[in-house]
Amino acid sequence: MLDWKELRYWIADKLFTKELDEAFSMGIREGADFATYKLCFNVKLQNHLKLTKTEQKGYDKAIERMEAAKEEVQKRVKK
């Protein structure tokens, strides 16, 4: 028995391979950008809380690491 759904996917893959690959890459890139943006936003919200000196040092280190990770994600995604 012929599976029409599989046939449609096979045809789409053969005709639109480049476009599908570009759409996939764009989805990954946008997802990574959104995730890092949301993470940065949520962590920066914590800055308005009263923190002890030790907590503030940890918070500052977390922000520093997060910014470095954000840059790394953006570099890898844009390849």
N, C-alpha and C. Protein backbone atom coordinates (compact mmCIF):
# COMPACT_ATOMS: atom_id res chain seq x y z
N MET A 1 0.84 -1.17 0.00
CA MET A 1 0.00 0.00 0.00
C MET A 1 0.90 1.25 0.00
N LEU A 2 0.54 2.24 -0.77
CA LEU A 2 1.31 3.47 -0.91
C LEU A 2 0.96 4.44 0.22
N ASP A 3 1.97 4.93 0.88
CA ASP A 3 1.76 5.89 1.96
C ASP A 3 1.91 7.30 1.38
N TRP A 4 0.78 7.97 1.16
CA TRP A 4 0.79 9.28 0.52
C TRP A 4 1.51 10.33 1.35
N LYS A 5 1.39 10.22 2.64
CA LYS A 5 2.06 11.19 3.51
C LYS A 5 3.58 11.11 3.33
N GLU A 6 4.10 9.92 3.34
CA GLU A 6 5.54 9.72 3.14
C GLU A 6 5.96 10.20 1.75
N LEU A 7 5.14 9.94 0.76
CA LEU A 7 5.44 10.38 -0.60
C LEU A 7 5.49 11.91 -0.68
N ARG A 8 4.55 12.57 -0.04
CA ARG A 8 4.55 14.04 -0.02
C ARG A 8 5.81 14.58 0.64
N TYR A 9 6.21 13.98 1.76
CA TYR A 9 7.42 14.42 2.44
C TYR A 9 8.66 14.17 1.59
N TRP A 10 8.69 13.04 0.90
CA TRP A 10 9.82 12.71 0.04
C TRP A 10 9.93 13.73 -1.09
N ILE A 11 8.79 14.06 -1.72
CA ILE A 11 8.78 15.03 -2.81
C ILE A 11 9.21 16.41 -2.30
N ALA A 12 8.66 16.83 -1.17
CA ALA A 12 9.03 18.13 -0.60
C ALA A 12 10.51 18.17 -0.28
N ASP A 13 11.03 17.07 0.25
CA ASP A 13 12.46 17.02 0.57
C ASP A 13 13.31 17.15 -0.68
N LYS A 14 12.91 16.49 -1.74
CA LYS A 14 13.68 16.54 -2.99
C LYS A 14 13.59 17.93 -3.65
N LEU A 15 12.42 18.57 -3.57
CA LEU A 15 12.23 19.85 -4.24
C LEU A 15 12.73 21.04 -3.41
N PHE A 16 12.64 20.92 -2.09
CA PHE A 16 12.90 22.08 -1.25
C PHE A 16 13.96 21.83 -0.18
N THR A 17 14.94 21.01 -0.47
CA THR A 17 15.98 20.67 0.51
C THR A 17 16.66 21.92 1.05
N LYS A 18 17.10 22.81 0.17
CA LYS A 18 17.82 24.01 0.59
C LYS A 18 16.93 24.90 1.46
N GLU A 19 15.69 25.10 1.04
CA GLU A 19 14.76 25.95 1.79
C GLU A 19 14.44 25.36 3.16
N LEU A 20 14.26 24.04 3.21
CA LEU A 20 13.97 23.39 4.48
C LEU A 20 15.17 23.48 5.43
N ASP A 21 16.38 23.31 4.89
CA ASP A 21 17.59 23.44 5.72
C ASP A 21 17.73 24.87 6.25
N GLU A 22 17.45 25.85 5.40
CA GLU A 22 17.52 27.25 5.84
C GLU A 22 16.47 27.54 6.91
N ALA A 23 15.27 27.02 6.73
CA ALA A 23 14.20 27.24 7.72
C ALA A 23 14.57 26.58 9.05
N PHE A 24 15.16 25.39 8.99
CA PHE A 24 15.59 24.71 10.21
C PHE A 24 16.66 25.51 10.93
N SER A 25 17.65 25.98 10.17
CA SER A 25 18.73 26.78 10.77
C SER A 25 18.18 28.07 11.38
N MET A 26 17.26 28.70 10.69
CA MET A 26 16.66 29.92 11.21
C MET A 26 15.89 29.63 12.50
N GLY A 27 15.19 28.52 12.55
CA GLY A 27 14.45 28.14 13.76
C GLY A 27 15.38 27.91 14.94
N ILE A 28 16.48 27.23 14.70
CA ILE A 28 17.47 26.98 15.75
C ILE A 28 18.05 28.31 16.24
N ARG A 29 18.42 29.17 15.29
CA ARG A 29 19.01 30.46 15.63
C ARG A 29 18.04 31.32 16.44
N GLU A 30 16.80 31.41 15.99
CA GLU A 30 15.81 32.21 16.70
C GLU A 30 15.49 31.63 18.07
N GLY A 31 15.45 30.32 18.15
CA GLY A 31 15.20 29.66 19.44
C GLY A 31 16.33 29.93 20.44
N ALA A 32 17.55 29.85 19.97
CA ALA A 32 18.70 30.12 20.84
C ALA A 32 18.72 31.57 21.27
N ASP A 33 18.44 32.48 20.34
CA ASP A 33 18.40 33.90 20.70
C ASP A 33 17.31 34.17 21.74
N PHE A 34 16.14 33.58 21.53
CA PHE A 34 15.04 33.80 22.47
C PHE A 34 15.36 33.23 23.84
N ALA A 35 15.93 32.03 23.86
CA ALA A 35 16.27 31.39 25.14
C ALA A 35 17.29 32.20 25.92
N THR A 36 18.33 32.69 25.23
CA THR A 36 19.34 33.48 25.95
C THR A 36 18.77 34.83 26.38
N TYR A 37 17.91 35.42 25.55
CA TYR A 37 17.28 36.69 25.93
C TYR A 37 16.41 36.50 27.17
N LYS A 38 15.60 35.45 27.17
CA LYS A 38 14.70 35.20 28.30
C LYS A 38 15.49 34.90 29.57
N LEU A 39 16.54 34.12 29.44
CA LEU A 39 17.38 33.80 30.60
C LEU A 39 18.02 35.07 31.15
N CYS A 40 18.59 35.89 30.26
CA CYS A 40 19.20 37.15 30.70
C CYS A 40 18.17 38.04 31.38
N PHE A 41 17.01 38.15 30.80
CA PHE A 41 15.96 39.00 31.35
C PHE A 41 15.56 38.51 32.74
N ASN A 42 15.34 37.21 32.90
CA ASN A 42 14.93 36.67 34.19
C ASN A 42 16.00 36.84 35.26
N VAL A 43 17.26 36.64 34.89
CA VAL A 43 18.33 36.80 35.86
C VAL A 43 18.48 38.27 36.25
N LYS A 44 18.38 39.15 35.28
CA LYS A 44 18.52 40.58 35.58
C LYS A 44 17.38 41.10 36.44
N LEU A 45 16.22 40.44 36.40
CA LEU A 45 15.11 40.82 37.29
C LEU A 45 15.49 40.64 38.75
N GLN A 46 16.36 39.68 39.02
CA GLN A 46 16.78 39.41 40.38
C GLN A 46 17.61 40.55 40.97
N ASN A 47 18.12 41.43 40.12
CA ASN A 47 18.96 42.53 40.57
C ASN A 47 18.19 43.50 41.47
N HIS A 48 16.87 43.51 41.37
CA HIS A 48 16.07 44.44 42.16
C HIS A 48 15.82 43.93 43.58
N LEU A 49 16.22 42.71 43.85
CA LEU A 49 16.06 42.16 45.19
C LEU A 49 17.20 42.63 46.07
N LYS A 50 16.94 42.68 47.36
CA LYS A 50 18.01 43.02 48.30
C LYS A 50 18.86 41.77 48.51
N LEU A 51 20.14 41.91 48.20
CA LEU A 51 21.05 40.79 48.31
C LEU A 51 22.14 41.09 49.33
N THR A 52 22.60 40.04 49.98
CA THR A 52 23.75 40.20 50.86
C THR A 52 24.98 40.39 49.98
N LYS A 53 26.10 40.74 50.59
CA LYS A 53 27.33 40.92 49.82
C LYS A 53 27.72 39.63 49.11
N THR A 54 27.59 38.52 49.79
CA THR A 54 27.93 37.23 49.19
C THR A 54 26.98 36.91 48.04
N GLU A 55 25.69 37.13 48.26
CA GLU A 55 24.72 36.89 47.18
C GLU A 55 24.99 37.80 45.99
N GLN A 56 25.35 39.06 46.27
CA GLN A 56 25.64 40.00 45.19
C GLN A 56 26.85 39.57 44.37
N LYS A 57 27.88 39.05 45.07
CA LYS A 57 29.06 38.56 44.35
C LYS A 57 28.68 37.38 43.45
N GLY A 58 27.87 36.48 43.97
CA GLY A 58 27.41 35.34 43.18
C GLY A 58 26.55 35.79 42.01
N TYR A 59 25.69 36.75 42.26
CA TYR A 59 24.83 37.30 41.21
C TYR A 59 25.67 37.94 40.11
N ASP A 60 26.65 38.76 40.51
CA ASP A 60 27.52 39.42 39.53
C ASP A 60 28.28 38.39 38.68
N LYS A 61 28.74 37.32 39.33
CA LYS A 61 29.45 36.26 38.61
C LYS A 61 28.50 35.55 37.65
N ALA A 62 27.28 35.33 38.09
CA ALA A 62 26.29 34.68 37.21
C ALA A 62 26.01 35.54 35.98
N ILE A 63 25.89 36.85 36.16
CA ILE A 63 25.66 37.76 35.03
C ILE A 63 26.85 37.71 34.08
N GLU A 64 28.04 37.73 34.65
CA GLU A 64 29.26 37.67 33.83
C GLU A 64 29.31 36.39 33.00
N ARG A 65 29.03 35.27 33.63
CA ARG A 65 29.05 33.98 32.93
C ARG A 65 27.94 33.90 31.89
N MET A 66 26.78 34.45 32.23
CA MET A 66 25.65 34.41 31.33
C MET A 66 25.93 35.21 30.06
N GLU A 67 26.54 36.36 30.22
CA GLU A 67 26.88 37.18 29.07
C GLU A 67 27.88 36.47 28.16
N ALA A 68 28.86 35.79 28.77
CA ALA A 68 29.84 35.04 27.99
C ALA A 68 29.16 33.88 27.26
N ALA A 69 28.26 33.20 27.95
CA ALA A 69 27.53 32.09 27.33
C ALA A 69 26.64 32.59 26.20
N LYS A 70 26.03 33.75 26.40
CA LYS A 70 25.17 34.33 25.37
C LYS A 70 25.97 34.61 24.10
N GLU A 71 27.15 35.18 24.25
CA GLU A 71 28.01 35.46 23.10
C GLU A 71 28.43 34.16 22.41
N GLU A 72 28.75 33.14 23.19
CA GLU A 72 29.16 31.86 22.64
C GLU A 72 28.01 31.21 21.86
N VAL A 73 26.82 31.26 22.40
CA VAL A 73 25.65 30.70 21.71
C VAL A 73 25.43 31.43 20.40
N GLN A 74 25.50 32.74 20.43
CA GLN A 74 25.27 33.52 19.21
C GLN A 74 26.33 33.23 18.15
N LYS A 75 27.59 33.03 18.56
CA LYS A 75 28.64 32.69 17.60
C LYS A 75 28.39 31.33 16.96
N ARG A 76 28.01 30.36 17.79
CA ARG A 76 27.80 29.01 17.27
C ARG A 76 26.58 28.93 16.37
N VAL A 77 25.54 29.65 16.71
CA VAL A 77 24.30 29.59 15.95
C VAL A 77 24.46 30.28 14.60
N LYS A 78 25.27 31.31 14.53
CA LYS A 78 25.42 32.07 13.29
C LYS A 78 26.34 31.41 12.28
N LYS A 79 26.98 30.30 12.65
CA LYS A 79 27.87 29.59 11.72
C LYS A 79 27.08 28.96 10.60
